[in-house]
Amino acid sequence: MVVVDRTKKGGQYVGNWRTYMPEVDYERCTACLLCAMYCPEAAITANEEGKPEVDLRFCKGCGVCANECPVKAIRMVKEE
């Protein structure tokens, strides 16, 4: 089991300038948490089930999490 301790969240709130946001497919997710390890803003933590939960206050929509997901359980969707 991989443990990612992110007690300190990302540094800056991104406000409303993000264009894309990650959407997690929990059916497909294997809870490896590579997305959390690679997130440059520390915006991803594990929920009660050990699966990723994105704090959109810190997410800048870079897509690193979606790119690093080995099972492609994260996709970037256009923010409305």
PDB file of N, CA and C in Angstrom:
ATOM      1  N   MET A   1       0.843  -1.178   0.000  1.00  0.00           N
ATOM      2  CA  MET A   1       0.000   0.000   0.000  1.00  0.00           C
ATOM      3  C   MET A   1       0.889   1.243   0.000  1.00  0.00           C
ATOM      4  N   VAL A   2       0.530   2.208  -0.801  1.00  0.00           N
ATOM      5  CA  VAL A   2       1.269   3.459  -0.902  1.00  0.00           C
ATOM      6  C   VAL A   2       0.603   4.481   0.003  1.00  0.00           C
ATOM      7  N   VAL A   3       1.399   5.126   0.822  1.00  0.00           N
ATOM      8  CA  VAL A   3       0.864   6.157   1.707  1.00  0.00           C
ATOM      9  C   VAL A   3       1.418   7.499   1.262  1.00  0.00           C
ATOM     10  N   VAL A   4       0.526   8.430   1.027  1.00  0.00           N
ATOM     11  CA  VAL A   4       0.930   9.772   0.638  1.00  0.00           C
ATOM     12  C   VAL A   4       0.417  10.708   1.709  1.00  0.00           C
ATOM     13  N   ASP A   5       1.326  11.263   2.489  1.00  0.00           N
ATOM     14  CA  ASP A   5       0.941  12.178   3.552  1.00  0.00           C
ATOM     15  C   ASP A   5       1.026  13.598   3.032  1.00  0.00           C
ATOM     16  N   ARG A   6      -0.098  14.183   2.792  1.00  0.00           N
ATOM     17  CA  ARG A   6      -0.143  15.552   2.297  1.00  0.00           C
ATOM     18  C   ARG A   6      -0.895  16.401   3.314  1.00  0.00           C
ATOM     19  N   THR A   7      -0.331  16.524   4.517  1.00  0.00           N
ATOM     20  CA  THR A   7      -0.988  17.329   5.547  1.00  0.00           C
ATOM     21  C   THR A   7      -0.962  18.801   5.181  1.00  0.00           C
ATOM     22  N   LYS A   8       0.065  19.218   4.450  1.00  0.00           N
ATOM     23  CA  LYS A   8       0.125  20.595   3.979  1.00  0.00           C
ATOM     24  C   LYS A   8      -0.349  20.614   2.539  1.00  0.00           C
ATOM     25  N   LYS A   9      -1.459  21.281   2.319  1.00  0.00           N
ATOM     26  CA  LYS A   9      -2.017  21.362   0.969  1.00  0.00           C
ATOM     27  C   LYS A   9      -1.162  22.280   0.119  1.00  0.00           C
ATOM     28  N   GLY A  10      -1.542  22.407  -1.152  1.00  0.00           N
ATOM     29  CA  GLY A  10      -0.817  23.258  -2.081  1.00  0.00           C
ATOM     30  C   GLY A  10      -0.705  24.685  -1.588  1.00  0.00           C
ATOM     31  N   GLY A  11       0.141  25.429  -2.240  1.00  0.00           N
ATOM     32  CA  GLY A  11       0.459  26.764  -1.769  1.00  0.00           C
ATOM     33  C   GLY A  11      -0.562  27.845  -2.046  1.00  0.00           C
ATOM     34  N   GLN A  12      -1.075  27.938  -3.253  1.00  0.00           N
ATOM     35  CA  GLN A  12      -1.931  29.052  -3.638  1.00  0.00           C
ATOM     36  C   GLN A  12      -3.271  28.547  -4.139  1.00  0.00           C
ATOM     37  N   TYR A  13      -4.314  29.262  -3.783  1.00  0.00           N
ATOM     38  CA  TYR A  13      -5.602  28.974  -4.406  1.00  0.00           C
ATOM     39  C   TYR A  13      -5.506  29.425  -5.859  1.00  0.00           C
ATOM     40  N   VAL A  14      -6.095  28.657  -6.767  1.00  0.00           N
ATOM     41  CA  VAL A  14      -5.981  29.012  -8.177  1.00  0.00           C
ATOM     42  C   VAL A  14      -7.070  29.967  -8.638  1.00  0.00           C
ATOM     43  N   GLY A  15      -8.049  30.209  -7.804  1.00  0.00           N
ATOM     44  CA  GLY A  15      -9.109  31.125  -8.201  1.00  0.00           C
ATOM     45  C   GLY A  15      -9.929  30.543  -9.329  1.00  0.00           C
ATOM     46  N   ASN A  16     -10.205  31.337 -10.343  1.00  0.00           N
ATOM     47  CA  ASN A  16     -11.057  30.855 -11.430  1.00  0.00           C
ATOM     48  C   ASN A  16     -10.331  30.834 -12.777  1.00  0.00           C
ATOM     49  N   TRP A  17      -9.022  30.746 -12.780  1.00  0.00           N
ATOM     50  CA  TRP A  17      -8.300  30.769 -14.045  1.00  0.00           C
ATOM     51  C   TRP A  17      -8.044  29.397 -14.652  1.00  0.00           C
ATOM     52  N   ARG A  18      -8.402  28.333 -13.939  1.00  0.00           N
ATOM     53  CA  ARG A  18      -8.196  26.973 -14.452  1.00  0.00           C
ATOM     54  C   ARG A  18      -9.122  26.735 -15.648  1.00  0.00           C
ATOM     55  N   THR A  19      -8.635  26.075 -16.704  1.00  0.00           N
ATOM     56  CA  THR A  19      -9.431  25.777 -17.896  1.00  0.00           C
ATOM     57  C   THR A  19      -9.953  24.346 -17.872  1.00  0.00           C
ATOM     58  N   TYR A  20      -9.103  23.403 -17.440  1.00  0.00           N
ATOM     59  CA  TYR A  20      -9.490  22.002 -17.360  1.00  0.00           C
ATOM     60  C   TYR A  20      -9.381  21.520 -15.928  1.00  0.00           C
ATOM     61  N   MET A  21     -10.213  20.549 -15.572  1.00  0.00           N
ATOM     62  CA  MET A  21     -10.156  19.972 -14.231  1.00  0.00           C
ATOM     63  C   MET A  21     -10.184  18.449 -14.335  1.00  0.00           C
ATOM     64  N   PRO A  22      -9.542  17.760 -13.387  1.00  0.00           N
ATOM     65  CA  PRO A  22      -9.517  16.305 -13.428  1.00  0.00           C
ATOM     66  C   PRO A  22     -10.843  15.707 -12.966  1.00  0.00           C
ATOM     67  N   GLU A  23     -11.229  14.636 -13.630  1.00  0.00           N
ATOM     68  CA  GLU A  23     -12.426  13.886 -13.247  1.00  0.00           C
ATOM     69  C   GLU A  23     -11.976  12.446 -13.046  1.00  0.00           C
ATOM     70  N   VAL A  24     -12.216  11.904 -11.850  1.00  0.00           N
ATOM     71  CA  VAL A  24     -11.748  10.559 -11.503  1.00  0.00           C
ATOM     72  C   VAL A  24     -12.864   9.543 -11.738  1.00  0.00           C
ATOM     73  N   ASP A  25     -12.545   8.475 -12.443  1.00  0.00           N
ATOM     74  CA  ASP A  25     -13.458   7.348 -12.632  1.00  0.00           C
ATOM     75  C   ASP A  25     -13.137   6.342 -11.527  1.00  0.00           C
ATOM     76  N   TYR A  26     -13.921   6.367 -10.462  1.00  0.00           N
ATOM     77  CA  TYR A  26     -13.633   5.535  -9.293  1.00  0.00           C
ATOM     78  C   TYR A  26     -13.818   4.047  -9.563  1.00  0.00           C
ATOM     79  N   GLU A  27     -14.581   3.691 -10.580  1.00  0.00           N
ATOM     80  CA  GLU A  27     -14.746   2.278 -10.950  1.00  0.00           C
ATOM     81  C   GLU A  27     -13.439   1.729 -11.534  1.00  0.00           C
ATOM     82  N   ARG A  28     -12.751   2.548 -12.268  1.00  0.00           N
ATOM     83  CA  ARG A  28     -11.516   2.148 -12.930  1.00  0.00           C
ATOM     84  C   ARG A  28     -10.289   2.323 -12.018  1.00  0.00           C
ATOM     85  N   CYS A  29     -10.344   3.261 -11.082  1.00  0.00           N
ATOM     86  CA  CYS A  29      -9.211   3.601 -10.218  1.00  0.00           C
ATOM     87  C   CYS A  29      -8.773   2.414  -9.366  1.00  0.00           C
ATOM     88  N   THR A  30      -7.462   2.183  -9.303  1.00  0.00           N
ATOM     89  CA  THR A  30      -6.900   1.089  -8.500  1.00  0.00           C
ATOM     90  C   THR A  30      -6.323   1.586  -7.172  1.00  0.00           C
ATOM     91  N   ALA A  31      -6.477   2.860  -6.881  1.00  0.00           N
ATOM     92  CA  ALA A  31      -5.998   3.467  -5.637  1.00  0.00           C
ATOM     93  C   ALA A  31      -4.484   3.387  -5.475  1.00  0.00           C
ATOM     94  N   CYS A  32      -3.752   3.487  -6.582  1.00  0.00           N
ATOM     95  CA  CYS A  32      -2.288   3.464  -6.498  1.00  0.00           C
ATOM     96  C   CYS A  32      -1.740   4.801  -5.985  1.00  0.00           C
ATOM     97  N   LEU A  33      -2.496   5.865  -6.163  1.00  0.00           N
ATOM     98  CA  LEU A  33      -2.161   7.223  -5.723  1.00  0.00           C
ATOM     99  C   LEU A  33      -0.913   7.809  -6.375  1.00  0.00           C
ATOM    100  N   LEU A  34      -0.564   7.305  -7.547  1.00  0.00           N
ATOM    101  CA  LEU A  34       0.516   7.937  -8.297  1.00  0.00           C
ATOM    102  C   LEU A  34       0.134   9.376  -8.638  1.00  0.00           C
ATOM    103  N   CYS A  35      -1.136   9.601  -8.873  1.00  0.00           N
ATOM    104  CA  CYS A  35      -1.604  10.957  -9.185  1.00  0.00           C
ATOM    105  C   CYS A  35      -1.259  11.926  -8.061  1.00  0.00           C
ATOM    106  N   ALA A  36      -1.435  11.480  -6.825  1.00  0.00           N
ATOM    107  CA  ALA A  36      -1.127  12.327  -5.673  1.00  0.00           C
ATOM    108  C   ALA A  36       0.374  12.574  -5.552  1.00  0.00           C
ATOM    109  N   MET A  37       1.161  11.556  -5.848  1.00  0.00           N
ATOM    110  CA  MET A  37       2.603  11.711  -5.743  1.00  0.00           C
ATOM    111  C   MET A  37       3.155  12.675  -6.790  1.00  0.00           C
ATOM    112  N   TYR A  38       2.566  12.678  -7.974  1.00  0.00           N
ATOM    113  CA  TYR A  38       3.051  13.531  -9.061  1.00  0.00           C
ATOM    114  C   TYR A  38       2.418  14.910  -9.092  1.00  0.00           C
ATOM    115  N   CYS A  39       1.348  15.129  -8.370  1.00  0.00           N
ATOM    116  CA  CYS A  39       0.661  16.426  -8.410  1.00  0.00           C
ATOM    117  C   CYS A  39       1.589  17.540  -7.911  1.00  0.00           C
ATOM    118  N   PRO A  40       1.911  18.517  -8.771  1.00  0.00           N
ATOM    119  CA  PRO A  40       2.848  19.567  -8.376  1.00  0.00           C
ATOM    120  C   PRO A  40       2.271  20.550  -7.356  1.00  0.00           C
ATOM    121  N   GLU A  41       0.965  20.551  -7.171  1.00  0.00           N
ATOM    122  CA  GLU A  41       0.328  21.476  -6.237  1.00  0.00           C
ATOM    123  C   GLU A  41      -0.172  20.806  -4.971  1.00  0.00           C
ATOM    124  N   ALA A  42       0.088  19.510  -4.803  1.00  0.00           N
ATOM    125  CA  ALA A  42      -0.382  18.744  -3.638  1.00  0.00           C
ATOM    126  C   ALA A  42      -1.894  18.887  -3.474  1.00  0.00           C
ATOM    127  N   ALA A  43      -2.613  18.862  -4.589  1.00  0.00           N
ATOM    128  CA  ALA A  43      -4.057  19.048  -4.573  1.00  0.00           C
ATOM    129  C   ALA A  43      -4.821  17.737  -4.456  1.00  0.00           C
ATOM    130  N   ILE A  44      -4.124  16.611  -4.433  1.00  0.00           N
ATOM    131  CA  ILE A  44      -4.789  15.314  -4.393  1.00  0.00           C
ATOM    132  C   ILE A  44      -4.422  14.581  -3.109  1.00  0.00           C
ATOM    133  N   THR A  45      -5.452  14.128  -2.412  1.00  0.00           N
ATOM    134  CA  THR A  45      -5.271  13.327  -1.203  1.00  0.00           C
ATOM    135  C   THR A  45      -6.121  12.077  -1.335  1.00  0.00           C
ATOM    136  N   ALA A  46      -5.938  11.130  -0.429  1.00  0.00           N
ATOM    137  CA  ALA A  46      -6.729   9.902  -0.436  1.00  0.00           C
ATOM    138  C   ALA A  46      -8.001  10.109   0.377  1.00  0.00           C
ATOM    139  N   ASN A  47      -9.117   9.604  -0.141  1.00  0.00           N
ATOM    140  CA  ASN A  47     -10.366   9.667   0.617  1.00  0.00           C
ATOM    141  C   ASN A  47     -10.439   8.466   1.563  1.00  0.00           C
ATOM    142  N   GLU A  48     -11.593   8.236   2.166  1.00  0.00           N
ATOM    143  CA  GLU A  48     -11.748   7.155   3.148  1.00  0.00           C
ATOM    144  C   GLU A  48     -11.495   5.778   2.538  1.00  0.00           C
ATOM    145  N   GLU A  49     -11.736   5.639   1.235  1.00  0.00           N
ATOM    146  CA  GLU A  49     -11.537   4.366   0.550  1.00  0.00           C
ATOM    147  C   GLU A  49     -10.118   4.219   0.006  1.00  0.00           C
ATOM    148  N   GLY A  50      -9.281   5.231   0.227  1.00  0.00           N
ATOM    149  CA  GLY A  50      -7.912   5.196  -0.279  1.00  0.00           C
ATOM    150  C   GLY A  50      -7.783   5.625  -1.723  1.00  0.00           C
ATOM    151  N   LYS A  51      -8.843   6.185  -2.269  1.00  0.00           N
ATOM    152  CA  LYS A  51      -8.830   6.634  -3.663  1.00  0.00           C
ATOM    153  C   LYS A  51      -8.639   8.145  -3.715  1.00  0.00           C
ATOM    154  N   PRO A  52      -8.158   8.657  -4.845  1.00  0.00           N
ATOM    155  CA  PRO A  52      -7.821  10.079  -4.932  1.00  0.00           C
ATOM    156  C   PRO A  52      -9.021  11.011  -4.871  1.00  0.00           C
ATOM    157  N   GLU A  53      -8.816  12.098  -4.165  1.00  0.00           N
ATOM    158  CA  GLU A  53      -9.807  13.161  -4.083  1.00  0.00           C
ATOM    159  C   GLU A  53      -9.079  14.467  -4.392  1.00  0.00           C
ATOM    160  N   VAL A  54      -9.584  15.198  -5.371  1.00  0.00           N
ATOM    161  CA  VAL A  54      -8.924  16.408  -5.835  1.00  0.00           C
ATOM    162  C   VAL A  54      -9.532  17.620  -5.136  1.00  0.00           C
ATOM    163  N   ASP A  55      -8.682  18.427  -4.536  1.00  0.00           N
ATOM    164  CA  ASP A  55      -9.109  19.688  -3.926  1.00  0.00           C
ATOM    165  C   ASP A  55      -8.966  20.766  -5.001  1.00  0.00           C
ATOM    166  N   LEU A  56     -10.075  21.129  -5.605  1.00  0.00           N
ATOM    167  CA  LEU A  56     -10.045  22.055  -6.738  1.00  0.00           C
ATOM    168  C   LEU A  56      -9.612  23.467  -6.356  1.00  0.00           C
ATOM    169  N   ARG A  57      -9.540  23.760  -5.070  1.00  0.00           N
ATOM    170  CA  ARG A  57      -9.016  25.066  -4.655  1.00  0.00           C
ATOM    171  C   ARG A  57      -7.547  25.210  -5.025  1.00  0.00           C
ATOM    172  N   PHE A  58      -6.840  24.078  -5.087  1.00  0.00           N
ATOM    173  CA  PHE A  58      -5.410  24.097  -5.372  1.00  0.00           C
ATOM    174  C   PHE A  58      -5.052  23.578  -6.760  1.00  0.00           C
ATOM    175  N   CYS A  59      -5.948  22.816  -7.377  1.00  0.00           N
ATOM    176  CA  CYS A  59      -5.681  22.223  -8.691  1.00  0.00           C
ATOM    177  C   CYS A  59      -5.594  23.314  -9.754  1.00  0.00           C
ATOM    178  N   LYS A  60      -4.496  23.299 -10.530  1.00  0.00           N
ATOM    179  CA  LYS A  60      -4.349  24.292 -11.590  1.00  0.00           C
ATOM    180  C   LYS A  60      -4.704  23.729 -12.960  1.00  0.00           C
ATOM    181  N   GLY A  61      -5.141  22.472 -13.004  1.00  0.00           N
ATOM    182  CA  GLY A  61      -5.590  21.876 -14.252  1.00  0.00           C
ATOM    183  C   GLY A  61      -4.487  21.505 -15.208  1.00  0.00           C
ATOM    184  N   CYS A  62      -3.308  21.197 -14.698  1.00  0.00           N
ATOM    185  CA  CYS A  62      -2.153  20.917 -15.553  1.00  0.00           C
ATOM    186  C   CYS A  62      -2.241  19.566 -16.257  1.00  0.00           C
ATOM    187  N   GLY A  63      -2.973  18.605 -15.688  1.00  0.00           N
ATOM    188  CA  GLY A  63      -3.131  17.300 -16.306  1.00  0.00           C
ATOM    189  C   GLY A  63      -2.061  16.284 -15.984  1.00  0.00           C
ATOM    190  N   VAL A  64      -1.145  16.609 -15.097  1.00  0.00           N
ATOM    191  CA  VAL A  64      -0.093  15.662 -14.730  1.00  0.00           C
ATOM    192  C   VAL A  64      -0.714  14.397 -14.130  1.00  0.00           C
ATOM    193  N   CYS A  65      -1.717  14.560 -13.296  1.00  0.00           N
ATOM    194  CA  CYS A  65      -2.366  13.406 -12.660  1.00  0.00           C
ATOM    195  C   CYS A  65      -2.949  12.462 -13.704  1.00  0.00           C
ATOM    196  N   ALA A  66      -3.634  13.006 -14.697  1.00  0.00           N
ATOM    197  CA  ALA A  66      -4.237  12.192 -15.752  1.00  0.00           C
ATOM    198  C   ALA A  66      -3.161  11.511 -16.591  1.00  0.00           C
ATOM    199  N   ASN A  67      -2.079  12.209 -16.837  1.00  0.00           N
ATOM    200  CA  ASN A  67      -0.994  11.652 -17.635  1.00  0.00           C
ATOM    201  C   ASN A  67      -0.282  10.512 -16.910  1.00  0.00           C
ATOM    202  N   GLU A  68      -0.145  10.608 -15.599  1.00  0.00           N
ATOM    203  CA  GLU A  68       0.589   9.606 -14.831  1.00  0.00           C
ATOM    204  C   GLU A  68      -0.260   8.418 -14.391  1.00  0.00           C
ATOM    205  N   CYS A  69      -1.567   8.506 -14.504  1.00  0.00           N
ATOM    206  CA  CYS A  69      -2.439   7.405 -14.078  1.00  0.00           C
ATOM    207  C   CYS A  69      -2.226   6.193 -14.983  1.00  0.00           C
ATOM    208  N   PRO A  70      -1.764   5.060 -14.419  1.00  0.00           N
ATOM    209  CA  PRO A  70      -1.454   3.895 -15.245  1.00  0.00           C
ATOM    210  C   PRO A  70      -2.679   3.221 -15.857  1.00  0.00           C
ATOM    211  N   VAL A  71      -3.861   3.432 -15.272  1.00  0.00           N
ATOM    212  CA  VAL A  71      -5.082   2.802 -15.804  1.00  0.00           C
ATOM    213  C   VAL A  71      -6.008   3.821 -16.468  1.00  0.00           C
ATOM    214  N   LYS A  72      -5.515   5.040 -16.621  1.00  0.00           N
ATOM    215  CA  LYS A  72      -6.282   6.126 -17.269  1.00  0.00           C
ATOM    216  C   LYS A  72      -7.643   6.339 -16.604  1.00  0.00           C
ATOM    217  N   ALA A  73      -7.638   6.356 -15.257  1.00  0.00           N
ATOM    218  CA  ALA A  73      -8.868   6.579 -14.501  1.00  0.00           C
ATOM    219  C   ALA A  73      -9.153   8.061 -14.299  1.00  0.00           C
ATOM    220  N   ILE A  74      -8.246   8.912 -14.730  1.00  0.00           N
ATOM    221  CA  ILE A  74      -8.445  10.357 -14.599  1.00  0.00           C
ATOM    222  C   ILE A  74      -8.439  10.968 -15.995  1.00  0.00           C
ATOM    223  N   ARG A  75      -9.432  11.775 -16.251  1.00  0.00           N
ATOM    224  CA  ARG A  75      -9.461  12.501 -17.529  1.00  0.00           C
ATOM    225  C   ARG A  75      -9.671  13.967 -17.229  1.00  0.00           C
ATOM    226  N   MET A  76      -9.146  14.792 -18.092  1.00  0.00           N
ATOM    227  CA  MET A  76      -9.285  16.220 -17.930  1.00  0.00           C
ATOM    228  C   MET A  76     -10.510  16.685 -18.710  1.00  0.00           C
ATOM    229  N   VAL A  77     -11.402  17.381 -18.014  1.00  0.00           N
ATOM    230  CA  VAL A  77     -12.622  17.889 -18.642  1.00  0.00           C
ATOM    231  C   VAL A  77     -12.631  19.404 -18.604  1.00  0.00           C
ATOM    232  N   LYS A  78     -13.223  19.997 -19.594  1.00  0.00           N
ATOM    233  CA  LYS A  78     -13.297  21.465 -19.685  1.00  0.00           C
ATOM    234  C   LYS A  78     -14.127  21.993 -18.535  1.00  0.00           C
ATOM    235  N   GLU A  79     -13.577  22.959 -17.850  1.00  0.00           N
ATOM    236  CA  GLU A  79     -14.295  23.593 -16.730  1.00  0.00           C
ATOM    237  C   GLU A  79     -15.395  24.490 -17.307  1.00  0.00           C
ATOM    238  N   GLU A  80     -16.545  24.430 -16.693  1.00  0.00           N
ATOM    239  CA  GLU A  80     -17.677  25.232 -17.189  1.00  0.00           C
ATOM    240  C   GLU A  80     -17.797  26.542 -16.464  1.00  0.00           C
TER     241      GLU A  80
END
